[in-house]
């Protein structure tokens, strides 16, 4: 896999919540934390996502928001 994005987090799919348009994908990272992404259901099907499958969360730095209380 070659991508321009340098922020890649490898994890394991632990939960999928399929909807008619979007699918919520929960990836458990090696340290035990979980990251959640919403992708199209068509993309989830094309990727063959299922519980236990390894996958990557790819984060484009220009799309990350930071906030404080």
PDB file of N, CA and C in Angstrom:
ATOM      1  N   UNK A   1       0.854  -1.173   0.000  1.00  0.00           N
ATOM      2  CA  UNK A   1       0.000   0.000   0.000  1.00  0.00           C
ATOM      3  C   UNK A   1       0.897   1.231   0.000  1.00  0.00           C
ATOM      4  N   UNK A   2       0.725   2.096  -0.968  1.00  0.00           N
ATOM      5  CA  UNK A   2       1.466   3.342  -1.017  1.00  0.00           C
ATOM      6  C   UNK A   2       0.487   4.503  -0.956  1.00  0.00           C
ATOM      7  N   UNK A   3       0.716   5.383   0.011  1.00  0.00           N
ATOM      8  CA  UNK A   3      -0.148   6.545   0.218  1.00  0.00           C
ATOM      9  C   UNK A   3       0.710   7.764   0.491  1.00  0.00           C
ATOM     10  N   UNK A   4       0.176   8.931   0.164  1.00  0.00           N
ATOM     11  CA  UNK A   4       0.889  10.163   0.501  1.00  0.00           C
ATOM     12  C   UNK A   4       0.742  10.508   1.978  1.00  0.00           C
ATOM     13  N   UNK A   5      -0.318  10.045   2.610  1.00  0.00           N
ATOM     14  CA  UNK A   5      -0.542  10.321   4.031  1.00  0.00           C
ATOM     15  C   UNK A   5       0.465   9.524   4.860  1.00  0.00           C
ATOM     16  N   UNK A   6       1.092  10.174   5.804  1.00  0.00           N
ATOM     17  CA  UNK A   6       2.105   9.520   6.638  1.00  0.00           C
ATOM     18  C   UNK A   6       1.546   9.038   7.974  1.00  0.00           C
ATOM     19  N   UNK A   7       0.358   9.444   8.302  1.00  0.00           N
ATOM     20  CA  UNK A   7      -0.236   9.086   9.587  1.00  0.00           C
ATOM     21  C   UNK A   7      -1.129   7.864   9.397  1.00  0.00           C
ATOM     22  N   UNK A   8      -0.548   6.701   9.621  1.00  0.00           N
ATOM     23  CA  UNK A   8      -1.276   5.443   9.445  1.00  0.00           C
ATOM     24  C   UNK A   8      -1.274   4.685  10.760  1.00  0.00           C
ATOM     25  N   UNK A   9      -2.441   4.264  11.182  1.00  0.00           N
ATOM     26  CA  UNK A   9      -2.569   3.496  12.414  1.00  0.00           C
ATOM     27  C   UNK A   9      -3.117   2.121  12.070  1.00  0.00           C
ATOM     28  N   UNK A  10      -2.309   1.093  12.297  1.00  0.00           N
ATOM     29  CA  UNK A  10      -2.737  -0.270  12.007  1.00  0.00           C
ATOM     30  C   UNK A  10      -3.526  -0.803  13.187  1.00  0.00           C
ATOM     31  N   UNK A  11      -4.633  -1.452  12.891  1.00  0.00           N
ATOM     32  CA  UNK A  11      -5.460  -2.012  13.948  1.00  0.00           C
ATOM     33  C   UNK A  11      -6.247  -3.202  13.466  1.00  0.00           C
ATOM     34  N   UNK A  12      -7.163  -3.620  14.306  1.00  0.00           N
ATOM     35  CA  UNK A  12      -8.017  -4.764  14.002  1.00  0.00           C
ATOM     36  C   UNK A  12      -9.472  -4.320  14.100  1.00  0.00           C
ATOM     37  N   UNK A  13     -10.266  -4.694  13.116  1.00  0.00           N
ATOM     38  CA  UNK A  13     -11.694  -4.366  13.134  1.00  0.00           C
ATOM     39  C   UNK A  13     -12.342  -5.124  14.287  1.00  0.00           C
ATOM     40  N   UNK A  14     -12.985  -4.385  15.197  1.00  0.00           N
ATOM     41  CA  UNK A  14     -13.649  -5.025  16.336  1.00  0.00           C
ATOM     42  C   UNK A  14     -15.158  -4.816  16.317  1.00  0.00           C
ATOM     43  N   UNK A  15     -15.637  -3.894  15.473  1.00  0.00           N
ATOM     44  CA  UNK A  15     -17.080  -3.671  15.385  1.00  0.00           C
ATOM     45  C   UNK A  15     -17.391  -2.952  14.083  1.00  0.00           C
ATOM     46  N   UNK A  16     -18.461  -3.400  13.430  1.00  0.00           N
ATOM     47  CA  UNK A  16     -18.972  -2.747  12.227  1.00  0.00           C
ATOM     48  C   UNK A  16     -20.453  -2.472  12.438  1.00  0.00           C
ATOM     49  N   UNK A  17     -20.869  -1.271  12.153  1.00  0.00           N
ATOM     50  CA  UNK A  17     -22.287  -0.913  12.237  1.00  0.00           C
ATOM     51  C   UNK A  17     -22.704  -0.444  10.849  1.00  0.00           C
ATOM     52  N   UNK A  18     -23.249  -1.390  10.067  1.00  0.00           N
ATOM     53  CA  UNK A  18     -23.636  -1.113   8.687  1.00  0.00           C
ATOM     54  C   UNK A  18     -24.961  -0.364   8.628  1.00  0.00           C
ATOM     55  N   UNK A  19     -24.999   0.681   7.838  1.00  0.00           N
ATOM     56  CA  UNK A  19     -26.224   1.393   7.541  1.00  0.00           C
ATOM     57  C   UNK A  19     -26.459   1.336   6.047  1.00  0.00           C
ATOM     58  N   UNK A  20     -27.567   1.892   5.591  1.00  0.00           N
ATOM     59  CA  UNK A  20     -27.853   1.848   4.153  1.00  0.00           C
ATOM     60  C   UNK A  20     -26.865   2.667   3.319  1.00  0.00           C
ATOM     61  N   UNK A  21     -26.297   3.703   3.902  1.00  0.00           N
ATOM     62  CA  UNK A  21     -25.373   4.571   3.170  1.00  0.00           C
ATOM     63  C   UNK A  21     -23.969   4.514   3.756  1.00  0.00           C
ATOM     64  N   UNK A  22     -23.859   4.583   5.070  1.00  0.00           N
ATOM     65  CA  UNK A  22     -22.559   4.624   5.752  1.00  0.00           C
ATOM     66  C   UNK A  22     -22.389   3.447   6.695  1.00  0.00           C
ATOM     67  N   UNK A  23     -21.124   3.133   6.954  1.00  0.00           N
ATOM     68  CA  UNK A  23     -20.769   2.093   7.919  1.00  0.00           C
ATOM     69  C   UNK A  23     -19.798   2.691   8.925  1.00  0.00           C
ATOM     70  N   UNK A  24     -20.057   2.454  10.200  1.00  0.00           N
ATOM     71  CA  UNK A  24     -19.145   2.877  11.254  1.00  0.00           C
ATOM     72  C   UNK A  24     -18.185   1.729  11.523  1.00  0.00           C
ATOM     73  N   UNK A  25     -16.891   2.023  11.420  1.00  0.00           N
ATOM     74  CA  UNK A  25     -15.845   1.018  11.585  1.00  0.00           C
ATOM     75  C   UNK A  25     -15.066   1.324  12.852  1.00  0.00           C
ATOM     76  N   UNK A  26     -14.995   0.375  13.767  1.00  0.00           N
ATOM     77  CA  UNK A  26     -14.223   0.507  14.998  1.00  0.00           C
ATOM     78  C   UNK A  26     -12.960  -0.327  14.865  1.00  0.00           C
ATOM     79  N   UNK A  27     -11.796   0.350  14.940  1.00  0.00           N
ATOM     80  CA  UNK A  27     -10.503  -0.323  14.875  1.00  0.00           C
ATOM     81  C   UNK A  27      -9.847  -0.280  16.244  1.00  0.00           C
ATOM     82  N   UNK A  28      -9.438  -1.431  16.744  1.00  0.00           N
ATOM     83  CA  UNK A  28      -8.695  -1.463  18.002  1.00  0.00           C
ATOM     84  C   UNK A  28      -7.210  -1.422  17.671  1.00  0.00           C
ATOM     85  N   UNK A  29      -6.517  -0.446  18.251  1.00  0.00           N
ATOM     86  CA  UNK A  29      -5.092  -0.261  18.019  1.00  0.00           C
ATOM     87  C   UNK A  29      -4.290  -1.166  18.945  1.00  0.00           C
ATOM     88  N   UNK A  30      -3.012  -1.407  18.637  1.00  0.00           N
ATOM     89  CA  UNK A  30      -2.203  -2.319  19.455  1.00  0.00           C
ATOM     90  C   UNK A  30      -2.174  -1.986  20.944  1.00  0.00           C
ATOM     91  N   UNK A  31      -2.263  -0.713  21.318  1.00  0.00           N
ATOM     92  CA  UNK A  31      -2.249  -0.326  22.725  1.00  0.00           C
ATOM     93  C   UNK A  31      -3.582  -0.503  23.432  1.00  0.00           C
ATOM     94  N   UNK A  32      -4.619  -0.928  22.688  1.00  0.00           N
ATOM     95  CA  UNK A  32      -5.925  -1.163  23.279  1.00  0.00           C
ATOM     96  C   UNK A  32      -6.934  -0.066  23.025  1.00  0.00           C
ATOM     97  N   UNK A  33      -6.483   1.106  22.592  1.00  0.00           N
ATOM     98  CA  UNK A  33      -7.410   2.194  22.264  1.00  0.00           C
ATOM     99  C   UNK A  33      -8.181   1.850  20.997  1.00  0.00           C
ATOM    100  N   UNK A  34      -9.351   2.447  20.849  1.00  0.00           N
ATOM    101  CA  UNK A  34     -10.185   2.226  19.668  1.00  0.00           C
ATOM    102  C   UNK A  34     -10.373   3.541  18.941  1.00  0.00           C
ATOM    103  N   UNK A  35     -10.266   3.484  17.620  1.00  0.00           N
ATOM    104  CA  UNK A  35     -10.517   4.640  16.779  1.00  0.00           C
ATOM    105  C   UNK A  35     -11.702   4.285  15.877  1.00  0.00           C
ATOM    106  N   UNK A  36     -12.567   5.275  15.630  1.00  0.00           N
ATOM    107  CA  UNK A  36     -13.786   5.034  14.861  1.00  0.00           C
ATOM    108  C   UNK A  36     -13.770   5.887  13.607  1.00  0.00           C
ATOM    109  N   UNK A  37     -14.133   5.273  12.493  1.00  0.00           N
ATOM    110  CA  UNK A  37     -14.242   5.986  11.220  1.00  0.00           C
ATOM    111  C   UNK A  37     -15.599   5.680  10.611  1.00  0.00           C
ATOM    112  N   UNK A  38     -16.140   6.649   9.898  1.00  0.00           N
ATOM    113  CA  UNK A  38     -17.374   6.444   9.147  1.00  0.00           C
ATOM    114  C   UNK A  38     -17.019   6.496   7.671  1.00  0.00           C
ATOM    115  N   UNK A  39     -17.295   5.391   6.964  1.00  0.00           N
ATOM    116  CA  UNK A  39     -17.036   5.299   5.534  1.00  0.00           C
ATOM    117  C   UNK A  39     -18.316   4.853   4.849  1.00  0.00           C
ATOM    118  N   UNK A  40     -18.339   4.917   3.538  1.00  0.00           N
ATOM    119  CA  UNK A  40     -19.542   4.456   2.843  1.00  0.00           C
ATOM    120  C   UNK A  40     -19.664   2.947   3.007  1.00  0.00           C
ATOM    121  N   UNK A  41     -20.883   2.473   3.009  1.00  0.00           N
ATOM    122  CA  UNK A  41     -21.124   1.033   3.098  1.00  0.00           C
ATOM    123  C   UNK A  41     -20.551   0.331   1.874  1.00  0.00           C
ATOM    124  N   UNK A  42     -20.622   0.991   0.727  1.00  0.00           N
ATOM    125  CA  UNK A  42     -20.036   0.418  -0.483  1.00  0.00           C
ATOM    126  C   UNK A  42     -18.532   0.216  -0.313  1.00  0.00           C
ATOM    127  N   UNK A  43     -17.832   1.201   0.271  1.00  0.00           N
ATOM    128  CA  UNK A  43     -16.396   1.079   0.507  1.00  0.00           C
ATOM    129  C   UNK A  43     -16.106  -0.046   1.494  1.00  0.00           C
ATOM    130  N   UNK A  44     -16.895  -0.151   2.552  1.00  0.00           N
ATOM    131  CA  UNK A  44     -16.697  -1.219   3.538  1.00  0.00           C
ATOM    132  C   UNK A  44     -16.842  -2.591   2.881  1.00  0.00           C
ATOM    133  N   UNK A  45     -17.830  -2.717   2.012  1.00  0.00           N
ATOM    134  CA  UNK A  45     -18.030  -3.985   1.298  1.00  0.00           C
ATOM    135  C   UNK A  45     -16.863  -4.261   0.352  1.00  0.00           C
ATOM    136  N   UNK A  46     -16.435  -3.243  -0.383  1.00  0.00           N
ATOM    137  CA  UNK A  46     -15.332  -3.416  -1.333  1.00  0.00           C
ATOM    138  C   UNK A  46     -14.031  -3.789  -0.635  1.00  0.00           C
ATOM    139  N   UNK A  47     -13.823  -3.279   0.585  1.00  0.00           N
ATOM    140  CA  UNK A  47     -12.625  -3.607   1.358  1.00  0.00           C
ATOM    141  C   UNK A  47     -12.720  -4.973   2.035  1.00  0.00           C
ATOM    142  N   UNK A  48     -13.910  -5.552   2.029  1.00  0.00           N
ATOM    143  CA  UNK A  48     -14.095  -6.851   2.674  1.00  0.00           C
ATOM    144  C   UNK A  48     -13.938  -6.788   4.177  1.00  0.00           C
ATOM    145  N   UNK A  49     -14.337  -5.658   4.775  1.00  0.00           N
ATOM    146  CA  UNK A  49     -14.166  -5.493   6.215  1.00  0.00           C
ATOM    147  C   UNK A  49     -15.047  -6.466   6.980  1.00  0.00           C
ATOM    148  N   UNK A  50     -14.456  -7.069   7.999  1.00  0.00           N
ATOM    149  CA  UNK A  50     -15.181  -7.953   8.906  1.00  0.00           C
ATOM    150  C   UNK A  50     -14.444  -7.974  10.225  1.00  0.00           C
ATOM    151  N   UNK A  51     -15.132  -8.354  11.277  1.00  0.00           N
ATOM    152  CA  UNK A  51     -14.513  -8.403  12.597  1.00  0.00           C
ATOM    153  C   UNK A  51     -13.282  -9.304  12.567  1.00  0.00           C
ATOM    154  N   UNK A  52     -12.208  -8.815  13.181  1.00  0.00           N
ATOM    155  CA  UNK A  52     -10.963  -9.567  13.261  1.00  0.00           C
ATOM    156  C   UNK A  52      -9.990  -9.274  12.135  1.00  0.00           C
ATOM    157  N   UNK A  53     -10.434  -8.605  11.073  1.00  0.00           N
ATOM    158  CA  UNK A  53      -9.556  -8.301   9.944  1.00  0.00           C
ATOM    159  C   UNK A  53      -8.667  -7.109  10.286  1.00  0.00           C
ATOM    160  N   UNK A  54      -7.400  -7.166   9.894  1.00  0.00           N
ATOM    161  CA  UNK A  54      -6.506  -6.027  10.092  1.00  0.00           C
ATOM    162  C   UNK A  54      -6.806  -4.966   9.046  1.00  0.00           C
ATOM    163  N   UNK A  55      -6.717  -3.722   9.468  1.00  0.00           N
ATOM    164  CA  UNK A  55      -6.971  -2.593   8.577  1.00  0.00           C
ATOM    165  C   UNK A  55      -6.194  -1.390   9.102  1.00  0.00           C
ATOM    166  N   UNK A  56      -6.140  -0.361   8.322  1.00  0.00           N
ATOM    167  CA  UNK A  56      -5.429   0.868   8.687  1.00  0.00           C
ATOM    168  C   UNK A  56      -6.393   2.037   8.759  1.00  0.00           C
ATOM    169  N   UNK A  57      -6.191   2.887   9.755  1.00  0.00           N
ATOM    170  CA  UNK A  57      -6.821   4.205   9.782  1.00  0.00           C
ATOM    171  C   UNK A  57      -5.771   5.141   9.189  1.00  0.00           C
ATOM    172  N   UNK A  58      -6.127   5.818   8.108  1.00  0.00           N
ATOM    173  CA  UNK A  58      -5.204   6.727   7.442  1.00  0.00           C
ATOM    174  C   UNK A  58      -5.704   8.142   7.685  1.00  0.00           C
ATOM    175  N   UNK A  59      -4.857   8.954   8.311  1.00  0.00           N
ATOM    176  CA  UNK A  59      -5.268  10.292   8.743  1.00  0.00           C
ATOM    177  C   UNK A  59      -4.486  11.328   7.971  1.00  0.00           C
ATOM    178  N   UNK A  60      -5.191  12.173   7.255  1.00  0.00           N
ATOM    179  CA  UNK A  60      -4.565  13.285   6.544  1.00  0.00           C
ATOM    180  C   UNK A  60      -4.429  14.421   7.543  1.00  0.00           C
ATOM    181  N   UNK A  61      -3.220  14.909   7.727  1.00  0.00           N
ATOM    182  CA  UNK A  61      -2.948  15.900   8.760  1.00  0.00           C
ATOM    183  C   UNK A  61      -3.836  17.140   8.639  1.00  0.00           C
ATOM    184  N   UNK A  62      -4.201  17.522   7.436  1.00  0.00           N
ATOM    185  CA  UNK A  62      -5.031  18.724   7.254  1.00  0.00           C
ATOM    186  C   UNK A  62      -6.473  18.510   7.669  1.00  0.00           C
ATOM    187  N   UNK A  63      -6.848  17.272   8.033  1.00  0.00           N
ATOM    188  CA  UNK A  63      -8.234  16.972   8.394  1.00  0.00           C
ATOM    189  C   UNK A  63      -8.424  16.710   9.875  1.00  0.00           C
ATOM    190  N   UNK A  64      -7.392  16.884  10.672  1.00  0.00           N
ATOM    191  CA  UNK A  64      -7.503  16.629  12.109  1.00  0.00           C
ATOM    192  C   UNK A  64      -7.822  17.931  12.829  1.00  0.00           C
ATOM    193  N   UNK A  65      -8.813  17.883  13.713  1.00  0.00           N
ATOM    194  CA  UNK A  65      -9.165  19.041  14.515  1.00  0.00           C
ATOM    195  C   UNK A  65      -8.671  18.825  15.938  1.00  0.00           C
ATOM    196  N   UNK A  66      -8.246  19.883  16.596  1.00  0.00           N
ATOM    197  CA  UNK A  66      -7.761  19.816  17.974  1.00  0.00           C
ATOM    198  C   UNK A  66      -8.583  20.792  18.801  1.00  0.00           C
ATOM    199  N   UNK A  67      -8.973  20.373  20.013  1.00  0.00           N
ATOM    200  CA  UNK A  67      -9.749  21.268  20.883  1.00  0.00           C
ATOM    201  C   UNK A  67      -9.341  21.101  22.334  1.00  0.00           C
ATOM    202  N   UNK A  68      -9.724  22.042  23.141  1.00  0.00           N
ATOM    203  CA  UNK A  68      -9.466  22.006  24.585  1.00  0.00           C
ATOM    204  C   UNK A  68     -10.718  22.455  25.311  1.00  0.00           C
ATOM    205  N   UNK A  69     -10.814  22.110  26.597  1.00  0.00           N
ATOM    206  CA  UNK A  69     -11.930  22.575  27.433  1.00  0.00           C
ATOM    207  C   UNK A  69     -11.624  23.956  27.942  1.00  0.00           C
TER     208      UNK A  69
END
